[in-house]
């Protein structure tokens, strides 16, 4: 019988990886980043970041993952047994992302139903923050449980379990072939309609109005590199894990180019829709686009419902379509975030995929209930900031050093070049992954740390420290637990 952890085809791998990359960040984060960092001028650092970091780093992750054909933790242990702790750190961090993403998925599920009859009422802001989330900045909000959000989150967990506990191709592989094309098709419909709205040109003019002077600003370059890390899921051990599931004839370099282009196309296309709608809002309300622009939950759950309230009969079609798109994007991302930890546990403790997934999903669902409280929204923001600005960037640095220096990335060049029909790797690639990337990401990481320290409240700093303790502690537990699988410290290499 075929390996349960293997893609049925190269198409399954590409679509699953695109699904992982194309997520909530493309819809609610990228348009704001593009707008606030020079508009059209942002494309210069953006393209540089893709070429200099995105593609080279993905090729490195894919190459090492494909070489070991094992979980991230097992491969790191094989490279050097002293590094096993680092091998658990990233999968655990990514699992923490999955837990809070389930809350956003739950919120969106509620809005998908509300959108059929504009159930958020005349004031979407008050509905989201006060009625639905019952938001509180106090720790005491943890004791105010919100059953509606909990039920919506549990529905998401059941869907995730239904897909993930099956064999890889029967579950995630087949679902990716449906969800990812559907995601792109629905986004085309939404953007196509948005471009026809009165005032769309106002929003687009604001979006693409280039501020060339910002190219001399260090922050715009850091924003571009940060966006690519976030958008392509770099340093999350997901690309590594997915590549370890591929068949022996995979063209990983061509796949990298396809995935990076698809992700970039989607997020830039989504930006067209977002700013067309903001232009329409500006025309209708007389408010400047600059005063309407937001990112994160504010864009999805406040700005969009505000538009649908004044859109007339079209809102009954566009509203459900939009929230379905967000749901699918969230689902494809979440499905990828459980894979690194699951595969690592399977490798070390000899559990089946089905049992491992079931245990992790039950544990994740139980922990996620802290986000179904009045303090859940605030807590989500705190944990998200810690994971994305501190933990994952540290992960990228660690991967660069371990894969490029300790494992020796030069071993991959001939191996990968023999399997590609596009770009051939050479010394230029080694210079990037060994020197340029560790330096650039270290600068971005330090900048993120400084930003968190300077702009955080005492509560946020406390929860940042608490999140770090949980991450470090859980990783230590997995490291210290004795392996049940005799093959744990053995990994077959292909180069």
Protein backbone atom coordinates (compact mmCIF):
# COMPACT_ATOMS: atom_id res chain seq x y z
CA UNK A 1 0.00 0.00 0.00
CA UNK A 2 1.25 3.52 -0.80
CA UNK A 3 2.65 5.71 1.93
CA UNK A 4 -0.21 7.45 3.68
CA UNK A 5 1.86 10.64 3.76
CA UNK A 6 2.42 11.10 0.05
CA UNK A 7 0.75 13.30 -2.55
CA UNK A 8 -1.09 11.41 -5.27
CA UNK A 9 0.27 13.82 -7.89
CA UNK A 10 2.42 16.91 -8.31
CA UNK A 11 -0.79 18.89 -8.87
CA UNK A 12 -1.98 17.97 -5.37
CA UNK A 13 1.29 19.29 -3.91
CA UNK A 14 1.17 22.56 -5.86
CA UNK A 15 -2.49 23.26 -5.06
CA UNK A 16 -2.06 22.37 -1.37
CA UNK A 17 0.98 24.66 -1.14
CA UNK A 18 -0.88 27.48 -2.93
CA UNK A 19 -3.76 26.91 -0.50
CA UNK A 20 -1.35 27.24 2.41
CA UNK A 21 0.12 30.47 1.03
CA UNK A 22 -3.17 32.00 -0.12
CA UNK A 23 -4.89 32.76 3.14
CA UNK A 24 -6.41 35.46 5.29
CA UNK A 25 -3.25 37.56 5.06
CA UNK A 26 -3.71 38.03 1.32
CA UNK A 27 -7.21 39.44 1.79
CA UNK A 28 -6.97 41.49 4.97
CA UNK A 29 -3.28 42.32 5.33
CA UNK A 30 -1.71 42.83 1.92
CA UNK A 31 -4.00 45.61 0.54
CA UNK A 32 -3.26 47.71 3.63
CA UNK A 33 0.49 47.03 3.43
CA UNK A 34 0.52 47.98 -0.27
CA UNK A 35 -1.43 51.20 0.35
CA UNK A 36 0.49 52.35 3.44
CA UNK A 37 3.94 51.71 1.97
CA UNK A 38 4.03 53.90 -1.09
CA UNK A 39 1.26 52.43 -3.26
CA UNK A 40 2.66 51.65 -6.71
CA UNK A 41 6.19 52.36 -5.47
CA UNK A 42 5.88 49.38 -3.09
CA UNK A 43 6.11 46.98 -6.02
CA UNK A 44 9.85 47.58 -6.33
CA UNK A 45 10.79 46.30 -2.84
CA UNK A 46 7.97 43.72 -3.11
CA UNK A 47 9.43 42.15 -6.27
CA UNK A 48 12.96 42.35 -4.85
CA UNK A 49 11.74 40.55 -1.71
CA UNK A 50 10.14 37.76 -3.75
CA UNK A 51 13.23 37.25 -5.91
CA UNK A 52 15.82 37.74 -3.19
CA UNK A 53 14.11 35.95 -0.33
CA UNK A 54 10.78 34.30 -1.18
CA UNK A 55 11.83 31.99 -4.00
CA UNK A 56 15.40 31.20 -2.80
CA UNK A 57 14.19 30.33 0.70
CA UNK A 58 11.29 28.19 -0.56
CA UNK A 59 13.71 26.28 -2.80
CA UNK A 60 15.93 25.67 0.26
CA UNK A 61 12.98 24.44 2.34
CA UNK A 62 11.66 22.26 -0.47
CA UNK A 63 15.10 20.85 -1.25
CA UNK A 64 15.92 19.80 2.33
CA UNK A 65 12.37 18.49 2.92
CA UNK A 66 12.48 16.46 -0.29
CA UNK A 67 15.94 15.16 0.61
CA UNK A 68 14.92 13.75 3.99
CA UNK A 69 11.34 12.71 3.16
CA UNK A 70 10.61 12.98 6.87
CA UNK A 71 9.09 15.41 9.34
CA UNK A 72 10.77 18.69 10.20
CA UNK A 73 11.71 17.61 13.75
CA UNK A 74 13.17 14.31 12.54
CA UNK A 75 15.23 15.99 9.81
CA UNK A 76 16.64 18.58 12.20
CA UNK A 77 17.52 15.78 14.63
CA UNK A 78 19.24 13.86 11.82
CA UNK A 79 21.25 16.92 10.77
CA UNK A 80 22.44 17.31 14.36
CA UNK A 81 20.84 15.58 17.37
CA UNK A 82 21.68 18.63 19.51
CA UNK A 83 19.20 20.67 17.42
CA UNK A 84 16.13 18.49 18.09
CA UNK A 85 14.62 21.20 20.32
CA UNK A 86 14.70 23.64 17.37
CA UNK A 87 12.99 20.97 15.30
CA UNK A 88 9.95 21.08 17.59
CA UNK A 89 9.91 24.85 18.10
CA UNK A 90 8.53 25.73 14.65
CA UNK A 91 5.85 23.00 14.38
CA UNK A 92 4.53 23.98 17.83
CA UNK A 93 4.51 27.69 16.90
CA UNK A 94 2.58 26.92 13.71
CA UNK A 95 0.09 24.84 15.71
CA UNK A 96 -0.45 27.88 17.94
CA UNK A 97 -1.36 29.83 14.80
CA UNK A 98 -3.89 27.16 13.90
CA UNK A 99 -5.58 27.53 17.28
CA UNK A 100 -6.23 31.27 16.99
CA UNK A 101 -7.01 31.07 13.26
CA UNK A 102 -9.92 28.81 14.24
CA UNK A 103 -11.47 31.79 16.02
CA UNK A 104 -11.30 33.98 12.90
CA UNK A 105 -12.76 31.09 10.90
CA UNK A 106 -15.59 30.87 13.42
CA UNK A 107 -16.31 34.61 13.22
CA UNK A 108 -16.40 34.39 9.44
CA UNK A 109 -18.75 31.41 9.54
CA UNK A 110 -21.19 33.50 11.57
CA UNK A 111 -20.90 36.40 9.11
CA UNK A 112 -21.44 34.06 6.16
CA UNK A 113 -24.92 33.32 7.56
CA UNK A 114 -25.59 36.94 8.63
CA UNK A 115 -24.70 38.19 5.14
CA UNK A 116 -27.87 36.70 3.64
CA UNK A 117 -30.00 39.17 5.60
CA UNK A 118 -27.45 41.77 6.79
CA UNK A 119 -27.81 40.53 10.32
CA UNK A 120 -25.11 42.88 11.61
CA UNK A 121 -27.60 45.76 11.55
CA UNK A 122 -27.06 49.43 10.80
CA UNK A 123 -23.83 49.72 12.81
CA UNK A 124 -21.41 46.91 11.85
CA UNK A 125 -18.71 48.27 14.16
CA UNK A 126 -20.89 48.10 17.26
CA UNK A 127 -22.25 44.70 16.25
CA UNK A 128 -18.81 43.13 15.80
CA UNK A 129 -17.07 44.53 18.87
CA UNK A 130 -19.97 44.78 21.33
CA UNK A 131 -22.71 42.35 20.28
CA UNK A 132 -20.72 39.46 18.81
CA UNK A 133 -17.30 39.56 20.51
CA UNK A 134 -18.51 41.37 23.65
CA UNK A 135 -14.95 42.71 23.64
CA UNK A 136 -13.09 43.34 26.87
CA UNK A 137 -9.50 44.45 27.42
CA UNK A 138 -9.55 43.00 30.92
CA UNK A 139 -8.31 39.55 31.95
CA UNK A 140 -11.71 39.08 33.56
CA UNK A 141 -13.13 38.80 30.05
CA UNK A 142 -11.74 35.24 30.00
CA UNK A 143 -14.57 34.28 32.33
CA UNK A 144 -17.29 35.55 29.98
CA UNK A 145 -17.90 32.63 27.61
CA UNK A 146 -19.69 33.29 24.29
CA UNK A 147 -21.53 30.11 23.17
CA UNK A 148 -22.28 31.31 19.61
CA UNK A 149 -18.60 31.83 18.82
CA UNK A 150 -17.68 28.53 20.48
CA UNK A 151 -20.20 26.61 18.34
CA UNK A 152 -19.00 28.33 15.15
CA UNK A 153 -15.39 27.46 16.01
CA UNK A 154 -16.26 23.83 16.77
CA UNK A 155 -17.95 23.52 13.37
CA UNK A 156 -14.64 24.60 11.82
CA UNK A 157 -12.71 22.06 13.90
CA UNK A 158 -15.04 19.26 12.78
CA UNK A 159 -14.47 20.22 9.11
CA UNK A 160 -10.71 20.28 9.69
CA UNK A 161 -10.80 16.86 11.36
CA UNK A 162 -12.96 15.38 8.60
CA UNK A 163 -10.35 16.37 6.01
CA UNK A 164 -7.11 15.94 7.97
CA UNK A 165 -7.55 12.56 9.65
CA UNK A 166 -7.76 10.77 6.29
CA UNK A 167 -4.78 9.64 4.24
CA UNK A 168 -3.00 12.67 2.77
CA UNK A 169 -4.22 12.38 -0.83
CA UNK A 170 -7.73 11.18 0.10
CA UNK A 171 -8.16 14.15 2.45
CA UNK A 172 -6.02 17.25 1.95
CA UNK A 173 -5.00 16.36 -1.62
CA UNK A 174 -8.56 15.98 -2.95
CA UNK A 175 -9.92 18.94 -1.00
CA UNK A 176 -7.14 21.24 -2.27
CA UNK A 177 -8.10 20.37 -5.86
CA UNK A 178 -11.58 21.73 -5.15
CA UNK A 179 -11.02 24.56 -2.64
CA UNK A 180 -8.08 26.34 -4.29
CA UNK A 181 -9.62 26.67 -7.79
CA UNK A 182 -12.95 27.65 -6.16
CA UNK A 183 -11.14 30.32 -4.14
CA UNK A 184 -9.64 31.89 -7.28
CA UNK A 185 -12.92 31.70 -9.25
CA UNK A 186 -14.95 33.38 -6.49
CA UNK A 187 -12.31 36.08 -6.05
CA UNK A 188 -12.46 36.81 -9.81
CA UNK A 189 -16.26 37.24 -9.53
CA UNK A 190 -15.97 39.55 -6.51
CA UNK A 191 -13.22 41.71 -8.01
CA UNK A 192 -14.98 41.82 -11.39
CA UNK A 193 -18.13 43.14 -9.71
CA UNK A 194 -16.18 45.54 -7.45
CA UNK A 195 -14.53 47.18 -10.46
CA UNK A 196 -17.97 48.11 -11.85
CA UNK A 197 -19.03 49.99 -8.71
CA UNK A 198 -19.36 53.78 -8.89
CA UNK A 199 -16.26 55.31 -7.31
CA UNK A 200 -14.06 52.24 -7.88
CA UNK A 201 -11.57 54.41 -9.76
CA UNK A 202 -11.23 56.66 -6.69
CA UNK A 203 -10.04 53.74 -4.59
CA UNK A 204 -7.71 52.40 -7.27
CA UNK A 205 -6.17 55.85 -7.79
CA UNK A 206 -5.42 55.99 -4.05
CA UNK A 207 -3.99 52.47 -4.08
CA UNK A 208 -1.61 52.84 -6.98
CA UNK A 209 -0.65 56.48 -6.48
CA UNK A 210 3.12 55.93 -6.12
CA UNK A 211 5.09 57.77 -3.48
CA UNK A 212 8.60 57.27 -4.87
CA UNK A 213 10.19 59.15 -1.99
CA UNK A 214 9.36 56.24 0.31
CA UNK A 215 11.81 54.01 -1.57
CA UNK A 216 14.54 55.76 0.42
CA UNK A 217 12.72 54.80 3.64
CA UNK A 218 14.14 51.72 5.36
CA UNK A 219 10.70 50.76 6.69
CA UNK A 220 9.13 50.20 3.27
CA UNK A 221 11.80 47.60 2.47
CA UNK A 222 11.29 45.89 5.81
CA UNK A 223 7.52 45.89 5.18
CA UNK A 224 8.07 44.17 1.82
CA UNK A 225 10.30 41.45 3.28
CA UNK A 226 7.93 41.01 6.22
CA UNK A 227 4.97 40.64 3.86
CA UNK A 228 6.72 37.93 1.84
CA UNK A 229 7.62 35.99 5.00
CA UNK A 230 3.99 36.24 6.14
CA UNK A 231 2.39 35.64 2.76
CA UNK A 232 4.45 32.66 1.57
CA UNK A 233 4.48 31.04 5.05
CA UNK A 234 8.29 31.11 5.13
CA UNK A 235 9.98 29.56 8.15
CA UNK A 236 6.81 27.77 9.25
CA UNK A 237 8.12 24.28 8.34
CA UNK A 238 4.98 23.85 6.19
CA UNK A 239 6.85 24.03 2.86
CA UNK A 240 9.40 21.56 4.27
CA UNK A 241 6.68 19.13 5.34
CA UNK A 242 4.71 19.37 2.10
CA UNK A 243 7.88 18.79 0.05
CA UNK A 244 8.65 15.68 2.12
CA UNK A 245 5.33 14.23 0.88
CA UNK A 246 6.22 14.66 -2.82
CA UNK A 247 7.01 11.92 -5.31
CA UNK A 248 10.59 11.29 -6.49
CA UNK A 249 10.24 13.05 -9.85
CA UNK A 250 9.01 16.42 -8.52
CA UNK A 251 10.42 19.56 -10.16
CA UNK A 252 10.75 21.62 -6.98
CA UNK A 253 12.25 24.74 -8.57
CA UNK A 254 9.43 25.06 -11.13
CA UNK A 255 6.90 24.36 -8.37
CA UNK A 256 8.41 27.17 -6.28
CA UNK A 257 8.01 29.66 -9.14
CA UNK A 258 4.39 28.53 -9.75
CA UNK A 259 3.44 28.84 -6.08
CA UNK A 260 5.09 32.25 -5.58
CA UNK A 261 3.45 33.65 -8.73
CA UNK A 262 0.00 32.28 -7.83
CA UNK A 263 0.23 33.75 -4.33
CA UNK A 264 1.35 37.15 -5.64
CA UNK A 265 -1.37 37.16 -8.30
CA UNK A 266 -4.06 36.40 -5.72
CA UNK A 267 -3.08 39.04 -3.18
CA UNK A 268 -2.67 41.77 -5.79
CA UNK A 269 -5.98 40.82 -7.36
CA UNK A 270 -7.63 40.91 -3.94
CA UNK A 271 -6.21 44.43 -3.44
CA UNK A 272 -8.03 45.58 -6.58
CA UNK A 273 -11.33 44.42 -5.10
CA UNK A 274 -10.69 45.86 -1.65
CA UNK A 275 -9.81 49.33 -2.92
CA UNK A 276 -12.58 49.39 -5.53
CA UNK A 277 -15.03 48.83 -2.69
CA UNK A 278 -13.30 51.45 -0.49
CA UNK A 279 -13.59 53.90 -3.41
CA UNK A 280 -17.30 53.16 -3.60
CA UNK A 281 -17.62 53.71 0.15
CA UNK A 282 -15.75 57.00 -0.18
CA UNK A 283 -18.12 58.21 -2.90
CA UNK A 284 -21.24 57.20 -0.97
CA UNK A 285 -20.20 58.55 2.42
CA UNK A 286 -18.10 61.53 1.43
CA UNK A 287 -15.28 60.18 3.59
CA UNK A 288 -11.74 60.15 2.20
CA UNK A 289 -10.34 56.72 1.29
CA UNK A 290 -7.45 57.35 3.69
CA UNK A 291 -9.94 57.45 6.57
CA UNK A 292 -11.58 54.19 5.50
CA UNK A 293 -8.47 52.07 5.04
CA UNK A 294 -7.88 49.46 7.70
CA UNK A 295 -6.47 45.98 7.98
CA UNK A 296 -7.24 42.80 9.87
CA UNK A 297 -10.60 42.09 11.42
CA UNK A 298 -11.69 45.70 10.93
CA UNK A 299 -11.58 45.33 7.14
CA UNK A 300 -13.36 41.99 6.96
CA UNK A 301 -15.97 42.33 9.69
CA UNK A 302 -16.62 46.09 9.77
CA UNK A 303 -15.67 47.78 6.48
CA UNK A 304 -17.19 45.14 4.20
CA UNK A 305 -20.52 44.85 6.07
CA UNK A 306 -20.73 48.67 5.95
CA UNK A 307 -20.46 48.45 2.16
CA UNK A 308 -23.02 45.67 1.92
CA UNK A 309 -25.47 47.82 3.91
CA UNK A 310 -25.55 50.44 1.14
CA UNK A 311 -25.08 48.13 -1.83
CA UNK A 312 -28.73 47.27 -2.30
CA UNK A 313 -29.91 43.95 -3.74
CA UNK A 314 -26.43 43.01 -5.00
CA UNK A 315 -25.26 42.69 -1.39
CA UNK A 316 -27.32 39.49 -0.99
CA UNK A 317 -25.09 37.88 -3.64
CA UNK A 318 -21.76 39.65 -3.04
CA UNK A 319 -21.90 39.37 0.77
CA UNK A 320 -22.18 35.56 1.03
CA UNK A 321 -19.64 35.17 -1.80
CA UNK A 322 -17.13 37.37 0.00
CA UNK A 323 -17.44 35.64 3.37
CA UNK A 324 -17.30 32.24 1.64
CA UNK A 325 -14.01 33.34 0.04
CA UNK A 326 -12.59 34.35 3.41
CA UNK A 327 -13.77 31.02 4.88
CA UNK A 328 -12.14 28.98 2.13
CA UNK A 329 -8.91 31.02 2.41
CA UNK A 330 -8.87 30.46 6.17
CA UNK A 331 -9.61 26.76 5.76
CA UNK A 332 -6.83 26.12 3.23
CA UNK A 333 -4.36 27.91 5.51
CA UNK A 334 -5.48 26.14 8.68
CA UNK A 335 -5.28 22.71 7.05
CA UNK A 336 -1.58 23.32 6.41
CA UNK A 337 -0.77 24.48 9.94
CA UNK A 338 -1.44 21.10 11.56
CA UNK A 339 0.78 19.10 9.20
CA UNK A 340 4.29 19.91 10.58
CA UNK A 341 3.47 18.99 14.20
CA UNK A 342 1.35 15.99 13.20
CA UNK A 343 4.06 14.48 10.96
CA UNK A 344 6.74 15.10 13.60
CA UNK A 345 4.65 13.30 16.24
CA UNK A 346 3.97 10.42 13.85
CA UNK A 347 7.71 10.05 13.18
CA UNK A 348 8.83 10.14 16.83
CA UNK A 349 6.05 8.28 18.60
CA UNK A 350 4.94 5.84 15.90
CA UNK A 351 1.30 6.94 15.88
CA UNK A 352 -0.91 6.68 12.81
CA UNK A 353 -1.86 9.81 10.88
CA UNK A 354 -5.53 9.38 11.78
CA UNK A 355 -4.89 9.03 15.52
CA UNK A 356 -2.37 11.89 15.61
CA UNK A 357 -4.70 14.27 13.79
CA UNK A 358 -7.64 13.34 16.01
CA UNK A 359 -5.65 13.96 19.21
CA UNK A 360 -4.20 17.27 17.98
CA UNK A 361 -7.59 18.54 16.80
CA UNK A 362 -9.27 17.66 20.12
CA UNK A 363 -6.45 19.40 22.05
CA UNK A 364 -6.51 22.41 19.67
CA UNK A 365 -10.30 22.73 19.88
CA UNK A 366 -10.24 22.68 23.68
CA UNK A 367 -7.47 25.29 23.93
CA UNK A 368 -9.15 27.46 21.29
CA UNK A 369 -12.14 28.00 23.57
CA UNK A 370 -10.17 30.77 25.33
CA UNK A 371 -10.82 32.77 22.15
CA UNK A 372 -14.56 32.22 22.55
CA UNK A 373 -14.54 34.70 25.45
CA UNK A 374 -14.81 38.46 25.75
CA UNK A 375 -11.03 38.68 26.06
CA UNK A 376 -10.58 36.45 22.99
CA UNK A 377 -10.24 39.26 20.47
CA UNK A 378 -7.54 41.06 22.46
CA UNK A 379 -5.72 37.82 23.23
CA UNK A 380 -5.75 36.86 19.56
CA UNK A 381 -4.01 40.12 18.65
CA UNK A 382 -1.36 39.61 21.33
CA UNK A 383 -0.55 36.02 20.34
CA UNK A 384 -0.59 36.85 16.61
CA UNK A 385 1.93 39.65 17.12
CA UNK A 386 4.25 37.39 19.11
CA UNK A 387 4.09 34.49 16.65
CA UNK A 388 4.46 36.53 13.45
CA UNK A 389 6.90 39.24 14.55
CA UNK A 390 9.07 37.23 16.90
CA UNK A 391 8.73 33.42 16.77
CA UNK A 392 8.43 32.81 13.02
CA UNK A 393 11.11 35.28 11.98
CA UNK A 394 13.43 33.57 14.45
CA UNK A 395 12.42 30.31 12.75
CA UNK A 396 13.47 31.60 9.34
CA UNK A 397 16.89 32.58 10.72
CA UNK A 398 17.30 29.15 12.35
CA UNK A 399 16.30 27.35 9.14
CA UNK A 400 18.74 29.41 7.09
CA UNK A 401 21.63 28.60 9.40
CA UNK A 402 20.84 24.91 9.93
CA UNK A 403 19.91 24.12 6.31
CA UNK A 404 22.43 26.33 4.51
CA UNK A 405 25.43 25.94 6.82
CA UNK A 406 25.12 22.80 8.97
CA UNK A 407 23.39 20.62 6.36
CA UNK A 408 25.34 22.40 3.59
CA UNK A 409 22.99 23.76 0.94
CA UNK A 410 25.56 23.23 -1.84
CA UNK A 411 24.73 19.51 -1.69
CA UNK A 412 21.29 20.31 -3.13
CA UNK A 413 22.35 22.21 -6.26
CA UNK A 414 23.16 19.31 -8.59
CA UNK A 415 20.26 17.28 -7.19
CA UNK A 416 17.66 20.04 -7.79
CA UNK A 417 19.09 21.17 -11.13
CA UNK A 418 18.80 17.63 -12.49
CA UNK A 419 15.04 17.74 -11.86
CA UNK A 420 14.13 21.16 -13.21
CA UNK A 421 13.30 22.58 -16.63
CA UNK A 422 13.41 26.24 -15.57
CA UNK A 423 15.97 28.15 -13.49
CA UNK A 424 19.24 26.42 -12.65
CA UNK A 425 20.76 27.04 -9.25
CA UNK A 426 24.34 28.21 -8.88
CA UNK A 427 26.68 30.12 -6.58
CA UNK A 428 24.27 33.07 -6.62
CA UNK A 429 21.72 30.94 -4.75
CA UNK A 430 24.28 29.89 -2.13
CA UNK A 431 25.26 33.51 -1.51
CA UNK A 432 21.60 34.41 -0.95
CA UNK A 433 20.68 31.55 1.41
CA UNK A 434 23.98 31.55 3.33
CA UNK A 435 24.65 35.25 3.71
CA UNK A 436 21.96 37.61 2.42
CA UNK A 437 18.90 35.95 3.96
CA UNK A 438 20.19 35.44 7.51
CA UNK A 439 21.35 39.08 7.63
CA UNK A 440 18.17 40.56 6.12
CA UNK A 441 15.81 38.45 8.24
CA UNK A 442 17.82 39.19 11.37
CA UNK A 443 17.35 42.92 10.71
CA UNK A 444 13.60 42.41 10.16
CA UNK A 445 13.43 40.28 13.32
CA UNK A 446 15.20 42.88 15.46
CA UNK A 447 12.92 45.55 13.99
CA UNK A 448 9.88 43.43 14.91
CA UNK A 449 11.15 42.95 18.46
CA UNK A 450 11.75 46.67 18.90
CA UNK A 451 8.29 47.41 17.50
CA UNK A 452 6.62 44.99 19.91
CA UNK A 453 8.51 46.39 22.90
CA UNK A 454 7.91 50.04 22.01
CA UNK A 455 4.25 49.77 21.02
CA UNK A 456 2.93 47.18 23.47
CA UNK A 457 0.94 47.75 26.61
CA UNK A 458 1.94 46.04 29.86
CA UNK A 459 -0.83 43.48 29.25
CA UNK A 460 0.46 42.71 25.75
CA UNK A 461 4.03 42.30 27.00
CA UNK A 462 2.80 39.97 29.75
CA UNK A 463 0.92 37.81 27.25
CA UNK A 464 3.88 37.87 24.86
CA UNK A 465 6.07 36.45 27.63
CA UNK A 466 3.33 33.94 28.56
CA UNK A 467 3.01 32.81 24.91
CA UNK A 468 6.80 32.41 24.70
CA UNK A 469 6.82 30.27 27.85
CA UNK A 470 4.08 28.00 26.41
CA UNK A 471 5.93 27.68 23.09
CA UNK A 472 9.29 26.95 24.71
CA UNK A 473 7.76 24.61 27.30
CA UNK A 474 5.73 22.53 24.82
CA UNK A 475 8.76 22.22 22.53
CA UNK A 476 10.86 21.02 25.49
CA UNK A 477 8.28 18.38 26.41
CA UNK A 478 8.27 16.93 22.87
CA UNK A 479 12.08 16.95 22.88
CA UNK A 480 12.46 15.18 26.23
CA UNK A 481 9.80 12.52 25.68
CA UNK A 482 11.48 9.24 24.65
CA UNK A 483 10.97 8.17 21.04
CA UNK A 484 8.69 5.16 20.49
CA UNK A 485 9.79 4.74 16.89
CA UNK A 486 13.09 2.88 16.34
CA UNK A 487 13.68 4.87 13.15
CA UNK A 488 13.50 8.27 14.89
CA UNK A 489 17.23 8.96 14.72
CA UNK A 490 17.56 7.51 11.22
CA UNK A 491 16.59 9.31 8.03
CA UNK A 492 17.29 8.23 4.49
CA UNK A 493 18.94 11.02 2.49
CA UNK A 494 18.77 11.51 -1.25
CA UNK A 495 21.86 13.68 -1.66
